[in-house]
PDB file of N, CA and C in Angstrom:
ATOM      1  N   MET A   1      67.629  16.306 147.942  1.00  0.00           N
ATOM      2  CA  MET A   1      69.063  16.517 149.044  1.00  0.00           C
ATOM      3  C   MET A   1      69.501  17.828 148.188  1.00  0.00           C
ATOM      4  N   TYR A   2      70.132  18.961 149.467  1.00  0.00           N
ATOM      5  CA  TYR A   2      70.226  20.515 149.113  1.00  0.00           C
ATOM      6  C   TYR A   2      71.972  20.055 149.206  1.00  0.00           C
ATOM      7  N   THR A   3      72.575  21.750 148.422  1.00  0.00           N
ATOM      8  CA  THR A   3      73.863  21.841 148.344  1.00  0.00           C
ATOM      9  C   THR A   3      74.092  22.841 149.473  1.00  0.00           C
ATOM     10  N   VAL A   4      75.529  22.511 150.145  1.00  0.00           N
ATOM     11  CA  VAL A   4      75.909  23.557 150.983  1.00  0.00           C
ATOM     12  C   VAL A   4      77.121  24.187 150.362  1.00  0.00           C
ATOM     13  N   ASP A   5      77.536  25.745 150.169  1.00  0.00           N
ATOM     14  CA  ASP A   5      78.275  26.140 149.505  1.00  0.00           C
ATOM     15  C   ASP A   5      79.252  26.841 150.783  1.00  0.00           C
ATOM     16  N   LEU A   6      80.288  26.787 150.978  1.00  0.00           N
ATOM     17  CA  LEU A   6      81.136  27.469 152.263  1.00  0.00           C
ATOM     18  C   LEU A   6      81.991  28.672 151.398  1.00  0.00           C
ATOM     19  N   ALA A   7      81.608  29.480 151.962  1.00  0.00           N
ATOM     20  CA  ALA A   7      82.108  30.837 151.298  1.00  0.00           C
ATOM     21  C   ALA A   7      83.812  30.822 151.887  1.00  0.00           C
ATOM     22  N   ILE A   8      84.800  31.322 151.068  1.00  0.00           N
ATOM     23  CA  ILE A   8      86.184  31.084 151.552  1.00  0.00           C
ATOM     24  C   ILE A   8      86.182  31.577 153.319  1.00  0.00           C
ATOM     25  N   ARG A   9      85.624  32.632 153.542  1.00  0.00           N
ATOM     26  CA  ARG A   9      85.769  33.021 154.836  1.00  0.00           C
ATOM     27  C   ARG A   9      84.988  32.358 155.958  1.00  0.00           C
ATOM     28  N   ALA A  10      83.859  31.711 155.606  1.00  0.00           N
ATOM     29  CA  ALA A  10      83.428  30.135 156.356  1.00  0.00           C
ATOM     30  C   ALA A  10      84.214  29.135 156.286  1.00  0.00           C
ATOM     31  N   GLU A  11      85.094  28.750 155.436  1.00  0.00           N
ATOM     32  CA  GLU A  11      86.037  27.529 155.661  1.00  0.00           C
ATOM     33  C   GLU A  11      87.050  28.191 156.529  1.00  0.00           C
ATOM     34  N   ASP A  12      87.573  29.287 156.431  1.00  0.00           N
ATOM     35  CA  ASP A  12      88.753  29.969 157.279  1.00  0.00           C
ATOM     36  C   ASP A  12      88.383  29.638 158.551  1.00  0.00           C
ATOM     37  N   ALA A  13      87.061  30.225 159.127  1.00  0.00           N
ATOM     38  CA  ALA A  13      86.547  30.184 160.112  1.00  0.00           C
ATOM     39  C   ALA A  13      86.512  28.699 160.920  1.00  0.00           C
ATOM     40  N   LEU A  14      85.996  27.706 160.342  1.00  0.00           N
ATOM     41  CA  LEU A  14      85.733  26.642 160.717  1.00  0.00           C
ATOM     42  C   LEU A  14      87.114  25.989 160.736  1.00  0.00           C
ATOM     43  N   ASP A  15      88.200  26.098 160.201  1.00  0.00           N
ATOM     44  CA  ASP A  15      89.873  25.793 160.355  1.00  0.00           C
ATOM     45  C   ASP A  15      89.941  26.237 161.644  1.00  0.00           C
ATOM     46  N   GLU A  16      90.090  27.501 162.086  1.00  0.00           N
ATOM     47  CA  GLU A  16      90.639  28.101 163.188  1.00  0.00           C
ATOM     48  C   GLU A  16      89.562  27.470 164.085  1.00  0.00           C
ATOM     49  N   LEU A  17      88.565  27.124 164.334  1.00  0.00           N
ATOM     50  CA  LEU A  17      87.926  26.740 165.546  1.00  0.00           C
ATOM     51  C   LEU A  17      88.358  25.289 166.176  1.00  0.00           C
ATOM     52  N   PRO A  18      88.221  25.442 167.351  1.00  0.00           N
ATOM     53  CA  PRO A  18      88.778  24.030 167.963  1.00  0.00           C
ATOM     54  C   PRO A  18      87.579  22.997 167.982  1.00  0.00           C
ATOM     55  N   ALA A  19      87.848  21.597 168.029  1.00  0.00           N
ATOM     56  CA  ALA A  19      87.097  20.678 167.669  1.00  0.00           C
ATOM     57  C   ALA A  19      85.592  21.246 168.153  1.00  0.00           C
ATOM     58  N   PRO A  20      85.211  21.552 169.446  1.00  0.00           N
ATOM     59  CA  PRO A  20      83.802  21.261 169.584  1.00  0.00           C
ATOM     60  C   PRO A  20      83.050  22.638 169.053  1.00  0.00           C
ATOM     61  N   GLY A  21      84.143  23.584 168.518  1.00  0.00           N
ATOM     62  CA  GLY A  21      83.313  24.920 168.004  1.00  0.00           C
ATOM     63  C   GLY A  21      82.749  24.192 166.758  1.00  0.00           C
ATOM     64  N   ARG A  22      84.039  23.471 166.082  1.00  0.00           N
ATOM     65  CA  ARG A  22      83.750  23.072 164.718  1.00  0.00           C
ATOM     66  C   ARG A  22      82.635  22.165 164.269  1.00  0.00           C
ATOM     67  N   GLN A  23      82.383  21.213 165.426  1.00  0.00           N
ATOM     68  CA  GLN A  23      81.289  20.402 165.702  1.00  0.00           C
ATOM     69  C   GLN A  23      79.842  20.886 165.797  1.00  0.00           C
ATOM     70  N   GLU A  24      79.946  21.980 166.598  1.00  0.00           N
ATOM     71  CA  GLU A  24      78.680  22.652 166.769  1.00  0.00           C
ATOM     72  C   GLU A  24      78.263  23.633 165.489  1.00  0.00           C
ATOM     73  N   ALA A  25      79.429  24.134 164.807  1.00  0.00           N
ATOM     74  CA  ALA A  25      78.715  24.985 163.435  1.00  0.00           C
ATOM     75  C   ALA A  25      78.185  24.145 162.428  1.00  0.00           C
ATOM     76  N   MET A  26      78.885  23.068 162.251  1.00  0.00           N
ATOM     77  CA  MET A  26      78.224  21.633 161.598  1.00  0.00           C
ATOM     78  C   MET A  26      77.139  21.439 162.108  1.00  0.00           C
ATOM     79  N   GLU A  27      76.776  21.099 163.217  1.00  0.00           N
ATOM     80  CA  GLU A  27      75.311  21.049 163.651  1.00  0.00           C
ATOM     81  C   GLU A  27      74.382  21.782 163.256  1.00  0.00           C
ATOM     82  N   VAL A  28      74.677  22.742 163.537  1.00  0.00           N
ATOM     83  CA  VAL A  28      73.907  24.252 162.963  1.00  0.00           C
ATOM     84  C   VAL A  28      73.671  24.266 161.482  1.00  0.00           C
ATOM     85  N   ILE A  29      74.448  23.756 160.758  1.00  0.00           N
ATOM     86  CA  ILE A  29      74.672  23.850 159.104  1.00  0.00           C
ATOM     87  C   ILE A  29      73.607  22.863 158.546  1.00  0.00           C
ATOM     88  N   ALA A  30      73.647  21.842 159.364  1.00  0.00           N
ATOM     89  CA  ALA A  30      72.773  20.605 159.203  1.00  0.00           C
ATOM     90  C   ALA A  30      71.344  20.836 159.818  1.00  0.00           C
ATOM     91  N   SER A  31      71.147  21.727 160.998  1.00  0.00           N
ATOM     92  CA  SER A  31      69.822  21.741 161.289  1.00  0.00           C
ATOM     93  C   SER A  31      69.117  22.626 160.285  1.00  0.00           C
ATOM     94  N   VAL A  32      69.748  23.696 159.570  1.00  0.00           N
ATOM     95  CA  VAL A  32      69.240  24.723 158.755  1.00  0.00           C
ATOM     96  C   VAL A  32      68.908  23.965 157.411  1.00  0.00           C
ATOM     97  N   LEU A  33      69.812  22.902 157.052  1.00  0.00           N
ATOM     98  CA  LEU A  33      69.314  22.215 155.955  1.00  0.00           C
ATOM     99  C   LEU A  33      67.816  21.546 156.015  1.00  0.00           C
ATOM    100  N   VAL A  34      67.637  21.027 157.444  1.00  0.00           N
ATOM    101  CA  VAL A  34      66.463  20.464 157.338  1.00  0.00           C
ATOM    102  C   VAL A  34      65.111  21.044 157.894  1.00  0.00           C
ATOM    103  N   GLN A  35      65.393  22.415 157.756  1.00  0.00           N
ATOM    104  CA  GLN A  35      64.593  23.333 158.219  1.00  0.00           C
ATOM    105  C   GLN A  35      64.204  24.001 157.217  1.00  0.00           C
ATOM    106  N   ARG A  36      63.765  23.588 155.868  1.00  0.00           N
ATOM    107  CA  ARG A  36      64.013  24.584 154.766  1.00  0.00           C
ATOM    108  C   ARG A  36      62.616  25.381 154.440  1.00  0.00           C
ATOM    109  N   PRO A  37      61.314  25.059 155.344  1.00  0.00           N
ATOM    110  CA  PRO A  37      60.312  25.806 155.406  1.00  0.00           C
ATOM    111  C   PRO A  37      60.621  27.516 156.058  1.00  0.00           C
ATOM    112  N   SER A  38      61.603  27.454 156.770  1.00  0.00           N
ATOM    113  CA  SER A  38      62.228  28.688 157.843  1.00  0.00           C
ATOM    114  C   SER A  38      63.412  29.120 157.015  1.00  0.00           C
ATOM    115  N   TRP A  39      63.637  28.982 155.874  1.00  0.00           N
ATOM    116  CA  TRP A  39      64.704  29.811 154.970  1.00  0.00           C
ATOM    117  C   TRP A  39      64.143  30.901 154.608  1.00  0.00           C
ATOM    118  N   PRO A  40      65.160  31.952 154.397  1.00  0.00           N
ATOM    119  CA  PRO A  40      64.438  33.055 153.900  1.00  0.00           C
ATOM    120  C   PRO A  40      64.169  33.131 152.407  1.00  0.00           C
ATOM    121  N   PRO A  41      63.500  33.996 151.779  1.00  0.00           N
ATOM    122  CA  PRO A  41      63.393  33.891 150.198  1.00  0.00           C
ATOM    123  C   PRO A  41      64.747  33.673 149.482  1.00  0.00           C
ATOM    124  N   PRO A  42      64.682  33.326 148.128  1.00  0.00           N
ATOM    125  CA  PRO A  42      65.859  32.922 147.910  1.00  0.00           C
ATOM    126  C   PRO A  42      66.790  34.082 147.401  1.00  0.00           C
ATOM    127  N   GLY A  43      68.328  34.340 147.631  1.00  0.00           N
ATOM    128  CA  GLY A  43      68.886  35.433 147.483  1.00  0.00           C
ATOM    129  C   GLY A  43      68.955  36.072 148.643  1.00  0.00           C
ATOM    130  N   GLU A  44      68.007  35.882 149.883  1.00  0.00           N
ATOM    131  CA  GLU A  44      68.549  36.778 150.821  1.00  0.00           C
ATOM    132  C   GLU A  44      69.083  35.985 152.101  1.00  0.00           C
ATOM    133  N   ALA A  45      69.671  36.801 152.931  1.00  0.00           N
ATOM    134  CA  ALA A  45      70.522  36.391 154.309  1.00  0.00           C
ATOM    135  C   ALA A  45      69.846  35.927 154.959  1.00  0.00           C
ATOM    136  N   ALA A  46      70.337  34.693 155.980  1.00  0.00           N
ATOM    137  CA  ALA A  46      69.419  34.778 157.432  1.00  0.00           C
ATOM    138  C   ALA A  46      70.553  34.271 158.473  1.00  0.00           C
ATOM    139  N   VAL A  47      70.441  34.156 159.868  1.00  0.00           N
ATOM    140  CA  VAL A  47      71.496  33.716 160.817  1.00  0.00           C
ATOM    141  C   VAL A  47      70.804  32.612 161.401  1.00  0.00           C
ATOM    142  N   ALA A  48      71.130  31.770 161.630  1.00  0.00           N
ATOM    143  CA  ALA A  48      70.652  30.633 162.565  1.00  0.00           C
ATOM    144  C   ALA A  48      71.945  30.426 163.665  1.00  0.00           C
ATOM    145  N   PHE A  49      71.130  30.106 165.038  1.00  0.00           N
ATOM    146  CA  PHE A  49      72.112  30.031 165.780  1.00  0.00           C
ATOM    147  C   PHE A  49      72.003  28.886 166.520  1.00  0.00           C
ATOM    148  N   GLY A  50      73.569  28.117 167.455  1.00  0.00           N
ATOM    149  CA  GLY A  50      73.471  27.038 168.011  1.00  0.00           C
ATOM    150  C   GLY A  50      73.718  27.519 169.596  1.00  0.00           C
ATOM    151  N   ALA A  51      74.130  26.784 170.451  1.00  0.00           N
ATOM    152  CA  ALA A  51      74.278  27.202 171.774  1.00  0.00           C
ATOM    153  C   ALA A  51      75.287  27.965 171.820  1.00  0.00           C
ATOM    154  N   ARG A  52      76.459  27.898 171.180  1.00  0.00           N
ATOM    155  CA  ARG A  52      77.178  28.917 171.460  1.00  0.00           C
ATOM    156  C   ARG A  52      78.146  29.178 170.101  1.00  0.00           C
ATOM    157  N   SER A  53      77.293  29.222 168.978  1.00  0.00           N
ATOM    158  CA  SER A  53      77.665  29.501 167.650  1.00  0.00           C
ATOM    159  C   SER A  53      76.567  30.081 166.841  1.00  0.00           C
ATOM    160  N   TRP A  54      76.685  30.587 165.399  1.00  0.00           N
ATOM    161  CA  TRP A  54      76.093  31.094 164.471  1.00  0.00           C
ATOM    162  C   TRP A  54      77.048  30.708 163.086  1.00  0.00           C
ATOM    163  N   VAL A  55      75.873  30.705 162.214  1.00  0.00           N
ATOM    164  CA  VAL A  55      76.277  30.745 161.012  1.00  0.00           C
ATOM    165  C   VAL A  55      75.338  31.446 159.979  1.00  0.00           C
ATOM    166  N   VAL A  56      75.567  32.340 159.476  1.00  0.00           N
ATOM    167  CA  VAL A  56      75.260  33.145 158.298  1.00  0.00           C
ATOM    168  C   VAL A  56      75.159  32.662 157.046  1.00  0.00           C
ATOM    169  N   PHE A  57      73.813  32.520 156.438  1.00  0.00           N
ATOM    170  CA  PHE A  57      73.921  31.635 155.336  1.00  0.00           C
ATOM    171  C   PHE A  57      72.907  32.561 154.277  1.00  0.00           C
ATOM    172  N   ILE A  58      72.885  32.416 153.016  1.00  0.00           N
ATOM    173  CA  ILE A  58      71.653  32.827 152.075  1.00  0.00           C
ATOM    174  C   ILE A  58      71.426  31.529 151.452  1.00  0.00           C
ATOM    175  N   ALA A  59      70.149  31.711 151.311  1.00  0.00           N
ATOM    176  CA  ALA A  59      69.405  30.570 150.803  1.00  0.00           C
ATOM    177  C   ALA A  59      69.257  30.510 149.426  1.00  0.00           C
ATOM    178  N   TYR A  60      69.045  29.555 148.740  1.00  0.00           N
ATOM    179  CA  TYR A  60      68.739  29.479 147.196  1.00  0.00           C
ATOM    180  C   TYR A  60      67.706  28.384 146.968  1.00  0.00           C
ATOM    181  N   ALA A  61      67.329  27.803 146.086  1.00  0.00           N
ATOM    182  CA  ALA A  61      65.984  26.695 145.583  1.00  0.00           C
ATOM    183  C   ALA A  61      66.902  25.274 145.939  1.00  0.00           C
ATOM    184  N   ASP A  62      68.008  25.444 145.466  1.00  0.00           N
ATOM    185  CA  ASP A  62      68.919  24.144 145.803  1.00  0.00           C
ATOM    186  C   ASP A  62      69.577  23.876 146.906  1.00  0.00           C
ATOM    187  N   GLY A  63      69.653  24.917 147.590  1.00  0.00           N
ATOM    188  CA  GLY A  63      70.607  24.538 148.791  1.00  0.00           C
ATOM    189  C   GLY A  63      70.855  26.116 149.426  1.00  0.00           C
ATOM    190  N   ILE A  64      71.892  25.777 150.286  1.00  0.00           N
ATOM    191  CA  ILE A  64      72.602  27.417 151.258  1.00  0.00           C
ATOM    192  C   ILE A  64      74.116  27.634 150.843  1.00  0.00           C
ATOM    193  N   ASP A  65      74.418  29.067 150.680  1.00  0.00           N
ATOM    194  CA  ASP A  65      75.506  29.283 150.982  1.00  0.00           C
ATOM    195  C   ASP A  65      75.855  29.999 152.213  1.00  0.00           C
ATOM    196  N   VAL A  66      77.008  29.292 152.668  1.00  0.00           N
ATOM    197  CA  VAL A  66      77.526  29.861 153.900  1.00  0.00           C
ATOM    198  C   VAL A  66      78.642  30.668 153.927  1.00  0.00           C
ATOM    199  N   ASP A  67      77.717  31.728 154.338  1.00  0.00           N
ATOM    200  CA  ASP A  67      79.001  32.934 154.379  1.00  0.00           C
ATOM    201  C   ASP A  67      79.784  33.193 155.494  1.00  0.00           C
ATOM    202  N   ASP A  68      79.482  32.768 156.599  1.00  0.00           N
ATOM    203  CA  ASP A  68      80.570  33.237 157.792  1.00  0.00           C
ATOM    204  C   ASP A  68      80.065  32.472 159.096  1.00  0.00           C
ATOM    205  N   ILE A  69      80.700  31.955 159.741  1.00  0.00           N
ATOM    206  CA  ILE A  69      80.477  31.043 160.944  1.00  0.00           C
ATOM    207  C   ILE A  69      81.386  31.839 162.333  1.00  0.00           C
ATOM    208  N   GLY A  70      80.465  31.507 163.350  1.00  0.00           N
ATOM    209  CA  GLY A  70      81.481  32.144 164.415  1.00  0.00           C
ATOM    210  C   GLY A  70      81.270  31.275 165.838  1.00  0.00           C
ATOM    211  N   TRP A  71      81.684  31.157 166.825  1.00  0.00           N
ATOM    212  CA  TRP A  71      81.717  30.400 167.964  1.00  0.00           C
ATOM    213  C   TRP A  71      82.026  31.348 169.103  1.00  0.00           C
ATOM    214  N   ALA A  72      81.118  31.509 170.364  1.00  0.00           N
ATOM    215  CA  ALA A  72      81.821  31.933 171.536  1.00  0.00           C
ATOM    216  C   ALA A  72      81.987  31.046 172.378  1.00  0.00           C
ATOM    217  N   GLY A  73      83.274  30.355 172.293  1.00  0.00           N
ATOM    218  CA  GLY A  73      83.450  29.451 173.439  1.00  0.00           C
ATOM    219  C   GLY A  73      84.975  29.279 173.734  1.00  0.00           C
TER     220      GLY A  73
END
């Protein structure tokens, strides 16, 4: 089991998204968690994309920190 920590900026972005955007962003976060082999080295950032959303995250040995979320819907 891995942890997910949302930065305040990411929490605020999720709160501002309409339901479909929030759903898609959460799906992108979930897909990142199950694709651990594709994570960058610990402490480095990466971007994961959905159909109309993206998530900026930093990987660690025990999970990810989500730094920013966006949706182009």
